[in-house]
PDB file of all heavy atoms in Angstrom:
ATOM      1  N   LEU A   1      -5.375  -0.050 -10.167  1.00  0.00           N
ATOM      2  CA  LEU A   1      -5.186   0.458 -11.520  1.00  0.00           C
ATOM      3  C   LEU A   1      -6.523   0.653 -12.217  1.00  0.00           C
ATOM      4  O   LEU A   1      -7.472  -0.088 -11.987  1.00  0.00           O
ATOM      5  CB  LEU A   1      -4.318  -0.520 -12.325  1.00  0.00           C
ATOM      6  CG  LEU A   1      -2.933  -0.822 -11.759  1.00  0.00           C
ATOM      7  CD1 LEU A   1      -2.255  -1.906 -12.595  1.00  0.00           C
ATOM      8  CD2 LEU A   1      -2.073   0.444 -11.731  1.00  0.00           C
ATOM      9  N   ASP A   2      -6.557   1.652 -13.066  1.00  0.00           N
ATOM     10  CA  ASP A   2      -7.763   1.965 -13.836  1.00  0.00           C
ATOM     11  C   ASP A   2      -7.344   2.199 -15.280  1.00  0.00           C
ATOM     12  O   ASP A   2      -6.474   3.043 -15.556  1.00  0.00           O
ATOM     13  CB  ASP A   2      -8.440   3.209 -13.264  1.00  0.00           C
ATOM     14  CG  ASP A   2      -9.767   3.531 -13.953  1.00  0.00           C
ATOM     15  OD1 ASP A   2     -10.013   2.994 -15.054  1.00  0.00           O
ATOM     16  OD2 ASP A   2     -10.549   4.329 -13.395  1.00  0.00           O
ATOM     17  N   ARG A   3      -7.916   1.451 -16.195  1.00  0.00           N
ATOM     18  CA  ARG A   3      -7.541   1.570 -17.598  1.00  0.00           C
ATOM     19  C   ARG A   3      -7.793   2.974 -18.159  1.00  0.00           C
ATOM     20  O   ARG A   3      -7.181   3.372 -19.158  1.00  0.00           O
ATOM     21  CB  ARG A   3      -8.317   0.546 -18.435  1.00  0.00           C
ATOM     22  CG  ARG A   3      -7.919  -0.895 -18.177  1.00  0.00           C
ATOM     23  CD  ARG A   3      -8.751  -1.858 -19.017  1.00  0.00           C
ATOM     24  NE  ARG A   3      -8.353  -3.234 -18.795  1.00  0.00           N
ATOM     25  CZ  ARG A   3      -7.404  -3.853 -19.476  1.00  0.00           C
ATOM     26  NH1 ARG A   3      -6.760  -3.205 -20.426  1.00  0.00           N
ATOM     27  NH2 ARG A   3      -7.109  -5.125 -19.235  1.00  0.00           N
ATOM     28  N   GLU A   4      -8.691   3.692 -17.529  1.00  0.00           N
ATOM     29  CA  GLU A   4      -9.043   5.014 -18.044  1.00  0.00           C
ATOM     30  C   GLU A   4      -8.128   6.122 -17.511  1.00  0.00           C
ATOM     31  O   GLU A   4      -8.156   7.244 -18.026  1.00  0.00           O
ATOM     32  CB  GLU A   4     -10.492   5.346 -17.686  1.00  0.00           C
ATOM     33  CG  GLU A   4     -11.514   4.348 -18.217  1.00  0.00           C
ATOM     34  CD  GLU A   4     -11.478   4.242 -19.730  1.00  0.00           C
ATOM     35  OE1 GLU A   4     -11.278   5.279 -20.380  1.00  0.00           O
ATOM     36  OE2 GLU A   4     -11.649   3.120 -20.246  1.00  0.00           O
ATOM     37  N   GLN A   5      -7.341   5.817 -16.476  1.00  0.00           N
ATOM     38  CA  GLN A   5      -6.521   6.870 -15.875  1.00  0.00           C
ATOM     39  C   GLN A   5      -5.236   7.081 -16.662  1.00  0.00           C
ATOM     40  O   GLN A   5      -4.704   6.156 -17.298  1.00  0.00           O
ATOM     41  CB  GLN A   5      -6.203   6.546 -14.409  1.00  0.00           C
ATOM     42  CG  GLN A   5      -5.226   5.413 -14.205  1.00  0.00           C
ATOM     43  CD  GLN A   5      -4.986   5.093 -12.748  1.00  0.00           C
ATOM     44  OE1 GLN A   5      -4.486   4.022 -12.429  1.00  0.00           O
ATOM     45  NE2 GLN A   5      -5.327   5.985 -11.838  1.00  0.00           N
ATOM     46  N   SER A   6      -4.737   8.292 -16.617  1.00  0.00           N
ATOM     47  CA  SER A   6      -3.479   8.619 -17.275  1.00  0.00           C
ATOM     48  C   SER A   6      -2.323   8.258 -16.352  1.00  0.00           C
ATOM     49  O   SER A   6      -2.520   7.960 -15.167  1.00  0.00           O
ATOM     50  CB  SER A   6      -3.427  10.115 -17.584  1.00  0.00           C
ATOM     51  OG  SER A   6      -3.430  10.874 -16.369  1.00  0.00           O
ATOM     52  N   PHE A   7      -1.109   8.291 -16.883  1.00  0.00           N
ATOM     53  CA  PHE A   7       0.055   8.013 -16.035  1.00  0.00           C
ATOM     54  C   PHE A   7       0.193   9.081 -14.960  1.00  0.00           C
ATOM     55  O   PHE A   7       0.613   8.791 -13.836  1.00  0.00           O
ATOM     56  CB  PHE A   7       1.337   7.941 -16.867  1.00  0.00           C
ATOM     57  CG  PHE A   7       2.544   7.621 -16.034  1.00  0.00           C
ATOM     58  CD1 PHE A   7       2.783   6.328 -15.590  1.00  0.00           C
ATOM     59  CD2 PHE A   7       3.432   8.625 -15.655  1.00  0.00           C
ATOM     60  CE1 PHE A   7       3.885   6.029 -14.797  1.00  0.00           C
ATOM     61  CE2 PHE A   7       4.542   8.348 -14.870  1.00  0.00           C
ATOM     62  CZ  PHE A   7       4.770   7.041 -14.440  1.00  0.00           C
ATOM     63  N   THR A   8      -0.154  10.305 -15.299  1.00  0.00           N
ATOM     64  CA  THR A   8      -0.112  11.379 -14.294  1.00  0.00           C
ATOM     65  C   THR A   8      -1.017  11.058 -13.118  1.00  0.00           C
ATOM     66  O   THR A   8      -0.612  11.209 -11.948  1.00  0.00           O
ATOM     67  CB  THR A   8      -0.553  12.713 -14.927  1.00  0.00           C
ATOM     68  OG1 THR A   8       0.365  13.076 -15.959  1.00  0.00           O
ATOM     69  CG2 THR A   8      -0.597  13.823 -13.882  1.00  0.00           C
ATOM     70  N   GLN A   9      -2.217  10.590 -13.388  1.00  0.00           N
ATOM     71  CA  GLN A   9      -3.146  10.233 -12.312  1.00  0.00           C
ATOM     72  C   GLN A   9      -2.623   9.044 -11.508  1.00  0.00           C
ATOM     73  O   GLN A   9      -2.725   9.011 -10.278  1.00  0.00           O
ATOM     74  CB  GLN A   9      -4.520   9.915 -12.899  1.00  0.00           C
ATOM     75  CG  GLN A   9      -5.212  11.118 -13.512  1.00  0.00           C
ATOM     76  CD  GLN A   9      -6.458  10.740 -14.290  1.00  0.00           C
ATOM     77  OE1 GLN A   9      -6.499   9.722 -14.990  1.00  0.00           O
ATOM     78  NE2 GLN A   9      -7.508  11.558 -14.175  1.00  0.00           N
ATOM     79  N   LEU A  10      -2.043   8.064 -12.193  1.00  0.00           N
ATOM     80  CA  LEU A  10      -1.470   6.909 -11.498  1.00  0.00           C
ATOM     81  C   LEU A  10      -0.325   7.334 -10.589  1.00  0.00           C
ATOM     82  O   LEU A  10      -0.253   6.911  -9.427  1.00  0.00           O
ATOM     83  CB  LEU A  10      -0.976   5.880 -12.516  1.00  0.00           C
ATOM     84  CG  LEU A  10      -0.178   4.694 -11.936  1.00  0.00           C
ATOM     85  CD1 LEU A  10      -1.033   3.890 -10.974  1.00  0.00           C
ATOM     86  CD2 LEU A  10       0.364   3.816 -13.063  1.00  0.00           C
ATOM     87  N   ALA A  11       0.556   8.177 -11.098  1.00  0.00           N
ATOM     88  CA  ALA A  11       1.700   8.632 -10.306  1.00  0.00           C
ATOM     89  C   ALA A  11       1.244   9.394  -9.065  1.00  0.00           C
ATOM     90  O   ALA A  11       1.826   9.261  -7.986  1.00  0.00           O
ATOM     91  CB  ALA A  11       2.622   9.504 -11.163  1.00  0.00           C
ATOM     92  N   GLN A  12       0.191  10.198  -9.199  1.00  0.00           N
ATOM     93  CA  GLN A  12      -0.330  10.935  -8.052  1.00  0.00           C
ATOM     94  C   GLN A  12      -0.953   9.991  -7.029  1.00  0.00           C
ATOM     95  O   GLN A  12      -0.826  10.195  -5.811  1.00  0.00           O
ATOM     96  CB  GLN A  12      -1.357  11.969  -8.514  1.00  0.00           C
ATOM     97  CG  GLN A  12      -0.778  13.097  -9.338  1.00  0.00           C
ATOM     98  CD  GLN A  12       0.312  13.872  -8.613  1.00  0.00           C
ATOM     99  OE1 GLN A  12       0.238  14.107  -7.416  1.00  0.00           O
ATOM    100  NE2 GLN A  12       1.346  14.254  -9.352  1.00  0.00           N
ATOM    101  N   GLN A  13      -1.620   8.947  -7.512  1.00  0.00           N
ATOM    102  CA  GLN A  13      -2.195   7.952  -6.605  1.00  0.00           C
ATOM    103  C   GLN A  13      -1.089   7.233  -5.832  1.00  0.00           C
ATOM    104  O   GLN A  13      -1.176   7.066  -4.606  1.00  0.00           O
ATOM    105  CB  GLN A  13      -3.013   6.928  -7.395  1.00  0.00           C
ATOM    106  CG  GLN A  13      -3.626   5.829  -6.524  1.00  0.00           C
ATOM    107  CD  GLN A  13      -4.287   4.737  -7.351  1.00  0.00           C
ATOM    108  OE1 GLN A  13      -4.488   4.893  -8.550  1.00  0.00           O
ATOM    109  NE2 GLN A  13      -4.613   3.634  -6.719  1.00  0.00           N
ATOM    110  N   VAL A  14      -0.053   6.817  -6.533  1.00  0.00           N
ATOM    111  CA  VAL A  14       1.069   6.133  -5.887  1.00  0.00           C
ATOM    112  C   VAL A  14       1.773   7.069  -4.912  1.00  0.00           C
ATOM    113  O   VAL A  14       2.185   6.661  -3.824  1.00  0.00           O
ATOM    114  CB  VAL A  14       2.046   5.595  -6.943  1.00  0.00           C
ATOM    115  CG1 VAL A  14       3.316   5.055  -6.286  1.00  0.00           C
ATOM    116  CG2 VAL A  14       1.389   4.512  -7.778  1.00  0.00           C
ATOM    117  N   ARG A  15       1.886   8.335  -5.289  1.00  0.00           N
ATOM    118  CA  ARG A  15       2.523   9.314  -4.408  1.00  0.00           C
ATOM    119  C   ARG A  15       1.786   9.403  -3.066  1.00  0.00           C
ATOM    120  O   ARG A  15       2.418   9.345  -1.989  1.00  0.00           O
ATOM    121  CB  ARG A  15       2.538  10.694  -5.077  1.00  0.00           C
ATOM    122  CG  ARG A  15       3.010  11.830  -4.178  1.00  0.00           C
ATOM    123  CD  ARG A  15       2.956  13.161  -4.914  1.00  0.00           C
ATOM    124  NE  ARG A  15       3.341  14.259  -4.036  1.00  0.00           N
ATOM    125  CZ  ARG A  15       2.494  14.910  -3.244  1.00  0.00           C
ATOM    126  NH1 ARG A  15       1.196  14.579  -3.232  1.00  0.00           N
ATOM    127  NH2 ARG A  15       2.921  15.888  -2.465  1.00  0.00           N
ATOM    128  N   LEU A  16       0.478   9.528  -3.100  1.00  0.00           N
ATOM    129  CA  LEU A  16      -0.302   9.641  -1.873  1.00  0.00           C
ATOM    130  C   LEU A  16      -0.209   8.363  -1.045  1.00  0.00           C
ATOM    131  O   LEU A  16      -0.098   8.413   0.196  1.00  0.00           O
ATOM    132  CB  LEU A  16      -1.759   9.963  -2.202  1.00  0.00           C
ATOM    133  CG  LEU A  16      -2.019  11.328  -2.839  1.00  0.00           C
ATOM    134  CD1 LEU A  16      -3.496  11.475  -3.194  1.00  0.00           C
ATOM    135  CD2 LEU A  16      -1.581  12.453  -1.897  1.00  0.00           C
ATOM    136  N   THR A  17      -0.246   7.210  -1.722  1.00  0.00           N
ATOM    137  CA  THR A  17      -0.137   5.940  -1.007  1.00  0.00           C
ATOM    138  C   THR A  17       1.217   5.817  -0.325  1.00  0.00           C
ATOM    139  O   THR A  17       1.306   5.379   0.827  1.00  0.00           O
ATOM    140  CB  THR A  17      -0.345   4.760  -1.976  1.00  0.00           C
ATOM    141  OG1 THR A  17      -1.623   4.878  -2.598  1.00  0.00           O
ATOM    142  CG2 THR A  17      -0.273   3.430  -1.236  1.00  0.00           C
ATOM    143  N   CYS A  18       2.275   6.194  -1.022  1.00  0.00           N
ATOM    144  CA  CYS A  18       3.625   6.129  -0.453  1.00  0.00           C
ATOM    145  C   CYS A  18       3.763   7.071   0.745  1.00  0.00           C
ATOM    146  O   CYS A  18       4.327   6.696   1.781  1.00  0.00           O
ATOM    147  CB  CYS A  18       4.667   6.481  -1.511  1.00  0.00           C
ATOM    148  SG  CYS A  18       4.949   5.194  -2.757  1.00  0.00           S
ATOM    149  N   LEU A  19       3.254   8.283   0.616  1.00  0.00           N
ATOM    150  CA  LEU A  19       3.346   9.244   1.712  1.00  0.00           C
ATOM    151  C   LEU A  19       2.612   8.734   2.955  1.00  0.00           C
ATOM    152  O   LEU A  19       3.106   8.854   4.081  1.00  0.00           O
ATOM    153  CB  LEU A  19       2.791  10.600   1.282  1.00  0.00           C
ATOM    154  CG  LEU A  19       3.603  11.355   0.221  1.00  0.00           C
ATOM    155  CD1 LEU A  19       2.897  12.652  -0.173  1.00  0.00           C
ATOM    156  CD2 LEU A  19       5.013  11.663   0.738  1.00  0.00           C
ATOM    157  N   ASP A  20       1.431   8.155   2.760  1.00  0.00           N
ATOM    158  CA  ASP A  20       0.689   7.586   3.895  1.00  0.00           C
ATOM    159  C   ASP A  20       1.460   6.421   4.505  1.00  0.00           C
ATOM    160  O   ASP A  20       1.495   6.261   5.734  1.00  0.00           O
ATOM    161  CB  ASP A  20      -0.691   7.115   3.434  1.00  0.00           C
ATOM    162  CG  ASP A  20      -1.649   8.270   3.180  1.00  0.00           C
ATOM    163  OD1 ASP A  20      -1.380   9.375   3.690  1.00  0.00           O
ATOM    164  OD2 ASP A  20      -2.655   8.065   2.480  1.00  0.00           O
ATOM    165  N   ALA A  21       2.070   5.599   3.656  1.00  0.00           N
ATOM    166  CA  ALA A  21       2.847   4.462   4.154  1.00  0.00           C
ATOM    167  C   ALA A  21       4.051   4.939   4.963  1.00  0.00           C
ATOM    168  O   ALA A  21       4.386   4.350   6.006  1.00  0.00           O
ATOM    169  CB  ALA A  21       3.301   3.579   2.995  1.00  0.00           C
ATOM    170  N   TYR A  22       4.703   5.997   4.506  1.00  0.00           N
ATOM    171  CA  TYR A  22       5.852   6.527   5.240  1.00  0.00           C
ATOM    172  C   TYR A  22       5.440   7.018   6.625  1.00  0.00           C
ATOM    173  O   TYR A  22       6.161   6.819   7.614  1.00  0.00           O
ATOM    174  CB  TYR A  22       6.491   7.690   4.469  1.00  0.00           C
ATOM    175  CG  TYR A  22       7.042   7.332   3.112  1.00  0.00           C
ATOM    176  CD1 TYR A  22       7.200   8.309   2.121  1.00  0.00           C
ATOM    177  CD2 TYR A  22       7.374   6.014   2.783  1.00  0.00           C
ATOM    178  CE1 TYR A  22       7.692   7.984   0.870  1.00  0.00           C
ATOM    179  CE2 TYR A  22       7.862   5.691   1.534  1.00  0.00           C
ATOM    180  CZ  TYR A  22       8.020   6.675   0.580  1.00  0.00           C
ATOM    181  OH  TYR A  22       8.494   6.366  -0.659  1.00  0.00           O
ATOM    182  N   ILE A  23       4.277   7.668   6.699  1.00  0.00           N
ATOM    183  CA  ILE A  23       3.794   8.173   7.982  1.00  0.00           C
ATOM    184  C   ILE A  23       3.528   7.021   8.946  1.00  0.00           C
ATOM    185  O   ILE A  23       3.704   7.157  10.165  1.00  0.00           O
ATOM    186  CB  ILE A  23       2.511   9.011   7.769  1.00  0.00           C
ATOM    187  CG1 ILE A  23       2.831  10.286   6.988  1.00  0.00           C
ATOM    188  CG2 ILE A  23       1.865   9.374   9.106  1.00  0.00           C
ATOM    189  CD1 ILE A  23       1.598  11.077   6.593  1.00  0.00           C
ATOM    190  N   ASN A  24       3.148   5.874   8.400  1.00  0.00           N
ATOM    191  CA  ASN A  24       2.772   4.726   9.234  1.00  0.00           C
ATOM    192  C   ASN A  24       3.792   3.592   9.138  1.00  0.00           C
ATOM    193  O   ASN A  24       3.442   2.417   9.226  1.00  0.00           O
ATOM    194  CB  ASN A  24       1.396   4.213   8.804  1.00  0.00           C
ATOM    195  CG  ASN A  24       0.295   5.217   9.053  1.00  0.00           C
ATOM    196  OD1 ASN A  24      -0.218   5.347  10.161  1.00  0.00           O
ATOM    197  ND2 ASN A  24      -0.079   5.970   8.023  1.00  0.00           N
ATOM    198  N   GLN A  25       5.055   3.940   9.005  1.00  0.00           N
ATOM    199  CA  GLN A  25       6.095   2.940   8.790  1.00  0.00           C
ATOM    200  C   GLN A  25       6.727   2.409  10.072  1.00  0.00           C
ATOM    201  O   GLN A  25       7.539   1.470  10.022  1.00  0.00           O
ATOM    202  CB  GLN A  25       7.213   3.519   7.924  1.00  0.00           C
ATOM    203  CG  GLN A  25       8.009   4.631   8.611  1.00  0.00           C
ATOM    204  CD  GLN A  25       9.221   5.047   7.801  1.00  0.00           C
ATOM    205  OE1 GLN A  25      10.165   4.282   7.632  1.00  0.00           O
ATOM    206  NE2 GLN A  25       9.173   6.265   7.270  1.00  0.00           N
ATOM    207  N   ASP A  26       6.388   2.942  11.225  1.00  0.00           N
ATOM    208  CA  ASP A  26       7.080   2.556  12.456  1.00  0.00           C
ATOM    209  C   ASP A  26       6.664   1.193  12.992  1.00  0.00           C
ATOM    210  O   ASP A  26       7.468   0.489  13.599  1.00  0.00           O
ATOM    211  CB  ASP A  26       6.861   3.615  13.543  1.00  0.00           C
ATOM    212  CG  ASP A  26       7.506   4.945  13.192  1.00  0.00           C
ATOM    213  OD1 ASP A  26       8.593   4.927  12.593  1.00  0.00           O
ATOM    214  OD2 ASP A  26       6.911   5.995  13.499  1.00  0.00           O
ATOM    215  N   ILE A  27       5.422   0.804  12.801  1.00  0.00           N
ATOM    216  CA  ILE A  27       4.966  -0.477  13.324  1.00  0.00           C
ATOM    217  C   ILE A  27       5.689  -1.608  12.580  1.00  0.00           C
ATOM    218  O   ILE A  27       5.746  -1.613  11.354  1.00  0.00           O
ATOM    219  CB  ILE A  27       3.435  -0.618  13.197  1.00  0.00           C
ATOM    220  CG1 ILE A  27       2.966  -1.930  13.823  1.00  0.00           C
ATOM    221  CG2 ILE A  27       2.974  -0.496  11.757  1.00  0.00           C
ATOM    222  CD1 ILE A  27       1.453  -2.047  13.920  1.00  0.00           C
ATOM    223  N   PRO A  28       6.282  -2.561  13.303  1.00  0.00           N
ATOM    224  CA  PRO A  28       6.998  -3.656  12.637  1.00  0.00           C
ATOM    225  C   PRO A  28       6.081  -4.425  11.687  1.00  0.00           C
ATOM    226  O   PRO A  28       4.920  -4.689  11.999  1.00  0.00           O
ATOM    227  CB  PRO A  28       7.457  -4.539  13.807  1.00  0.00           C
ATOM    228  CG  PRO A  28       7.517  -3.605  14.983  1.00  0.00           C
ATOM    229  CD  PRO A  28       6.397  -2.634  14.776  1.00  0.00           C
ATOM    230  N   PHE A  29       6.621  -4.801  10.541  1.00  0.00           N
ATOM    231  CA  PHE A  29       5.807  -5.451   9.518  1.00  0.00           C
ATOM    232  C   PHE A  29       5.265  -6.792  10.002  1.00  0.00           C
ATOM    233  O   PHE A  29       4.157  -7.187   9.620  1.00  0.00           O
ATOM    234  CB  PHE A  29       6.629  -5.647   8.242  1.00  0.00           C
ATOM    235  CG  PHE A  29       5.830  -6.181   7.092  1.00  0.00           C
ATOM    236  CD1 PHE A  29       4.870  -5.397   6.476  1.00  0.00           C
ATOM    237  CD2 PHE A  29       6.024  -7.473   6.630  1.00  0.00           C
ATOM    238  CE1 PHE A  29       4.119  -5.879   5.419  1.00  0.00           C
ATOM    239  CE2 PHE A  29       5.287  -7.968   5.572  1.00  0.00           C
ATOM    240  CZ  PHE A  29       4.335  -7.174   4.965  1.00  0.00           C
ATOM    241  N   ASP A  30       6.016  -7.505  10.842  1.00  0.00           N
ATOM    242  CA  ASP A  30       5.516  -8.792  11.325  1.00  0.00           C
ATOM    243  C   ASP A  30       4.257  -8.610  12.169  1.00  0.00           C
ATOM    244  O   ASP A  30       3.391  -9.491  12.200  1.00  0.00           O
ATOM    245  CB  ASP A  30       6.599  -9.528  12.120  1.00  0.00           C
ATOM    246  CG  ASP A  30       7.029  -8.765  13.357  1.00  0.00           C
ATOM    247  OD1 ASP A  30       7.421  -7.596  13.233  1.00  0.00           O
ATOM    248  OD2 ASP A  30       6.965  -9.340  14.464  1.00  0.00           O
ATOM    249  N   GLN A  31       4.147  -7.441  12.824  1.00  0.00           N
ATOM    250  CA  GLN A  31       2.929  -7.176  13.586  1.00  0.00           C
ATOM    251  C   GLN A  31       1.748  -6.899  12.651  1.00  0.00           C
ATOM    252  O   GLN A  31       0.606  -7.263  12.966  1.00  0.00           O
ATOM    253  CB  GLN A  31       3.142  -5.988  14.523  1.00  0.00           C
ATOM    254  CG  GLN A  31       4.063  -6.289  15.689  1.00  0.00           C
ATOM    255  CD  GLN A  31       3.646  -5.545  16.948  1.00  0.00           C
ATOM    256  OE1 GLN A  31       2.809  -4.653  16.918  1.00  0.00           O
ATOM    257  NE2 GLN A  31       4.236  -5.931  18.061  1.00  0.00           N
ATOM    258  N   VAL A  32       2.019  -6.268  11.531  1.00  0.00           N
ATOM    259  CA  VAL A  32       0.966  -6.031  10.542  1.00  0.00           C
ATOM    260  C   VAL A  32       0.452  -7.368  10.011  1.00  0.00           C
ATOM    261  O   VAL A  32      -0.761  -7.586   9.882  1.00  0.00           O
ATOM    262  CB  VAL A  32       1.496  -5.162   9.380  1.00  0.00           C
ATOM    263  CG1 VAL A  32       0.438  -5.032   8.280  1.00  0.00           C
ATOM    264  CG2 VAL A  32       1.898  -3.781   9.884  1.00  0.00           C
ATOM    265  N   VAL A  33       1.383  -8.277   9.715  1.00  0.00           N
ATOM    266  CA  VAL A  33       0.999  -9.590   9.210  1.00  0.00           C
ATOM    267  C   VAL A  33       0.172 -10.344  10.248  1.00  0.00           C
ATOM    268  O   VAL A  33      -0.859 -10.947   9.930  1.00  0.00           O
ATOM    269  CB  VAL A  33       2.244 -10.415   8.816  1.00  0.00           C
ATOM    270  CG1 VAL A  33       1.844 -11.833   8.420  1.00  0.00           C
ATOM    271  CG2 VAL A  33       2.995  -9.740   7.676  1.00  0.00           C
ATOM    272  N   SER A  34       0.617 -10.302  11.509  1.00  0.00           N
ATOM    273  CA  SER A  34      -0.124 -10.987  12.576  1.00  0.00           C
ATOM    274  C   SER A  34      -1.514 -10.397  12.749  1.00  0.00           C
ATOM    275  O   SER A  34      -2.479 -11.109  13.058  1.00  0.00           O
ATOM    276  CB  SER A  34       0.664 -10.883  13.894  1.00  0.00           C
ATOM    277  OG  SER A  34       1.918 -11.516  13.788  1.00  0.00           O
ATOM    278  N   LEU A  35      -1.622  -9.094  12.551  1.00  0.00           N
ATOM    279  CA  LEU A  35      -2.909  -8.413  12.691  1.00  0.00           C
ATOM    280  C   LEU A  35      -3.869  -8.817  11.576  1.00  0.00           C
ATOM    281  O   LEU A  35      -5.050  -9.063  11.807  1.00  0.00           O
ATOM    282  CB  LEU A  35      -2.684  -6.900  12.673  1.00  0.00           C
ATOM    283  CG  LEU A  35      -3.903  -6.003  12.800  1.00  0.00           C
ATOM    284  CD1 LEU A  35      -4.500  -6.114  14.197  1.00  0.00           C
ATOM    285  CD2 LEU A  35      -3.521  -4.554  12.507  1.00  0.00           C
ATOM    286  N   LEU A  36      -3.351  -8.911  10.349  1.00  0.00           N
ATOM    287  CA  LEU A  36      -4.196  -9.196   9.190  1.00  0.00           C
ATOM    288  C   LEU A  36      -4.532 -10.682   9.055  1.00  0.00           C
ATOM    289  O   LEU A  36      -5.594 -11.040   8.551  1.00  0.00           O
ATOM    290  CB  LEU A  36      -3.499  -8.716   7.917  1.00  0.00           C
ATOM    291  CG  LEU A  36      -3.276  -7.204   7.800  1.00  0.00           C
ATOM    292  CD1 LEU A  36      -2.388  -6.901   6.614  1.00  0.00           C
ATOM    293  CD2 LEU A  36      -4.609  -6.474   7.661  1.00  0.00           C
ATOM    294  N   ARG A  37      -3.593 -11.528   9.459  1.00  0.00           N
ATOM    295  CA  ARG A  37      -3.754 -12.981   9.318  1.00  0.00           C
ATOM    296  C   ARG A  37      -4.229 -13.371   7.915  1.00  0.00           C
ATOM    297  O   ARG A  37      -5.274 -14.015   7.746  1.00  0.00           O
ATOM    298  CB  ARG A  37      -4.748 -13.519  10.341  1.00  0.00           C
ATOM    299  CG  ARG A  37      -4.244 -13.475  11.768  1.00  0.00           C
ATOM    300  CD  ARG A  37      -5.219 -14.164  12.696  1.00  0.00           C
ATOM    301  NE  ARG A  37      -4.677 -14.276  14.034  1.00  0.00           N
ATOM    302  CZ  ARG A  37      -5.304 -14.889  15.033  1.00  0.00           C
ATOM    303  NH1 ARG A  37      -6.507 -15.412  14.833  1.00  0.00           N
ATOM    304  NH2 ARG A  37      -4.745 -14.974  16.218  1.00  0.00           N
ATOM    305  N   PRO A  38      -3.478 -12.976   6.902  1.00  0.00           N
ATOM    306  CA  PRO A  38      -3.919 -13.269   5.527  1.00  0.00           C
ATOM    307  C   PRO A  38      -3.820 -14.759   5.210  1.00  0.00           C
ATOM    308  O   PRO A  38      -2.968 -15.471   5.748  1.00  0.00           O
ATOM    309  CB  PRO A  38      -2.937 -12.459   4.676  1.00  0.00           C
ATOM    310  CG  PRO A  38      -1.695 -12.399   5.517  1.00  0.00           C
ATOM    311  CD  PRO A  38      -2.169 -12.315   6.941  1.00  0.00           C
ATOM    312  N   ARG A  39      -4.680 -15.217   4.335  1.00  0.00           N
ATOM    313  CA  ARG A  39      -4.633 -16.595   3.878  1.00  0.00           C
ATOM    314  C   ARG A  39      -3.587 -16.708   2.781  1.00  0.00           C
ATOM    315  O   ARG A  39      -3.587 -15.948   1.813  1.00  0.00           O
ATOM    316  CB  ARG A  39      -5.993 -17.036   3.334  1.00  0.00           C
ATOM    317  CG  ARG A  39      -7.096 -17.055   4.379  1.00  0.00           C
ATOM    318  CD  ARG A  39      -8.401 -17.554   3.780  1.00  0.00           C
ATOM    319  NE  ARG A  39      -8.268 -18.911   3.261  1.00  0.00           N
ATOM    320  CZ  ARG A  39      -9.247 -19.563   2.636  1.00  0.00           C
ATOM    321  NH1 ARG A  39     -10.428 -18.980   2.444  1.00  0.00           N
ATOM    322  NH2 ARG A  39      -9.059 -20.787   2.191  1.00  0.00           N
ATOM    323  N   ARG A  40      -2.686 -17.660   2.918  1.00  0.00           N
ATOM    324  CA  ARG A  40      -1.631 -17.853   1.932  1.00  0.00           C
ATOM    325  C   ARG A  40      -2.075 -18.870   0.888  1.00  0.00           C
ATOM    326  O   ARG A  40      -2.720 -19.855   1.211  1.00  0.00           O
ATOM    327  CB  ARG A  40      -0.342 -18.336   2.598  1.00  0.00           C
ATOM    328  CG  ARG A  40       0.173 -17.405   3.690  1.00  0.00           C
ATOM    329  CD  ARG A  40       1.567 -17.782   4.085  1.00  0.00           C
ATOM    330  NE  ARG A  40       2.031 -16.978   5.221  1.00  0.00           N
ATOM    331  CZ  ARG A  40       3.306 -16.819   5.545  1.00  0.00           C
ATOM    332  NH1 ARG A  40       4.234 -17.417   4.852  1.00  0.00           N
ATOM    333  NH2 ARG A  40       3.649 -16.084   6.589  1.00  0.00           N
ATOM    334  N   SER A  41      -1.675 -18.597  -0.363  1.00  0.00           N
ATOM    335  CA  SER A  41      -2.008 -19.538  -1.429  1.00  0.00           C
ATOM    336  C   SER A  41      -1.203 -20.823  -1.307  1.00  0.00           C
ATOM    337  O   SER A  41      -1.634 -21.884  -1.725  1.00  0.00           O
ATOM    338  CB  SER A  41      -1.763 -18.891  -2.797  1.00  0.00           C
ATOM    339  OG  SER A  41      -0.421 -18.445  -2.904  1.00  0.00           O
ATOM    340  N   ASP A  42      -0.023 -20.733  -0.703  1.00  0.00           N
ATOM    341  CA  ASP A  42       0.775 -21.916  -0.412  1.00  0.00           C
ATOM    342  C   ASP A  42       1.715 -21.574   0.731  1.00  0.00           C
ATOM    343  O   ASP A  42       1.894 -20.410   1.101  1.00  0.00           O
ATOM    344  CB  ASP A  42       1.560 -22.394  -1.649  1.00  0.00           C
ATOM    345  CG  ASP A  42       2.481 -21.305  -2.187  1.00  0.00           C
ATOM    346  OD1 ASP A  42       3.547 -21.078  -1.585  1.00  0.00           O
ATOM    347  OD2 ASP A  42       2.119 -20.690  -3.208  1.00  0.00           O
TER     348      ASP A  42
END
């Protein structure tokens, strides 16, 4: 998020992110988690 951006700019950013996510949606999410190995807060 950017305080200076308009809602139109935000919506376009989200649109592109969603489209990219849809293209890369086939890999199981548990494999993404295993790949990233994120640190959990709890």
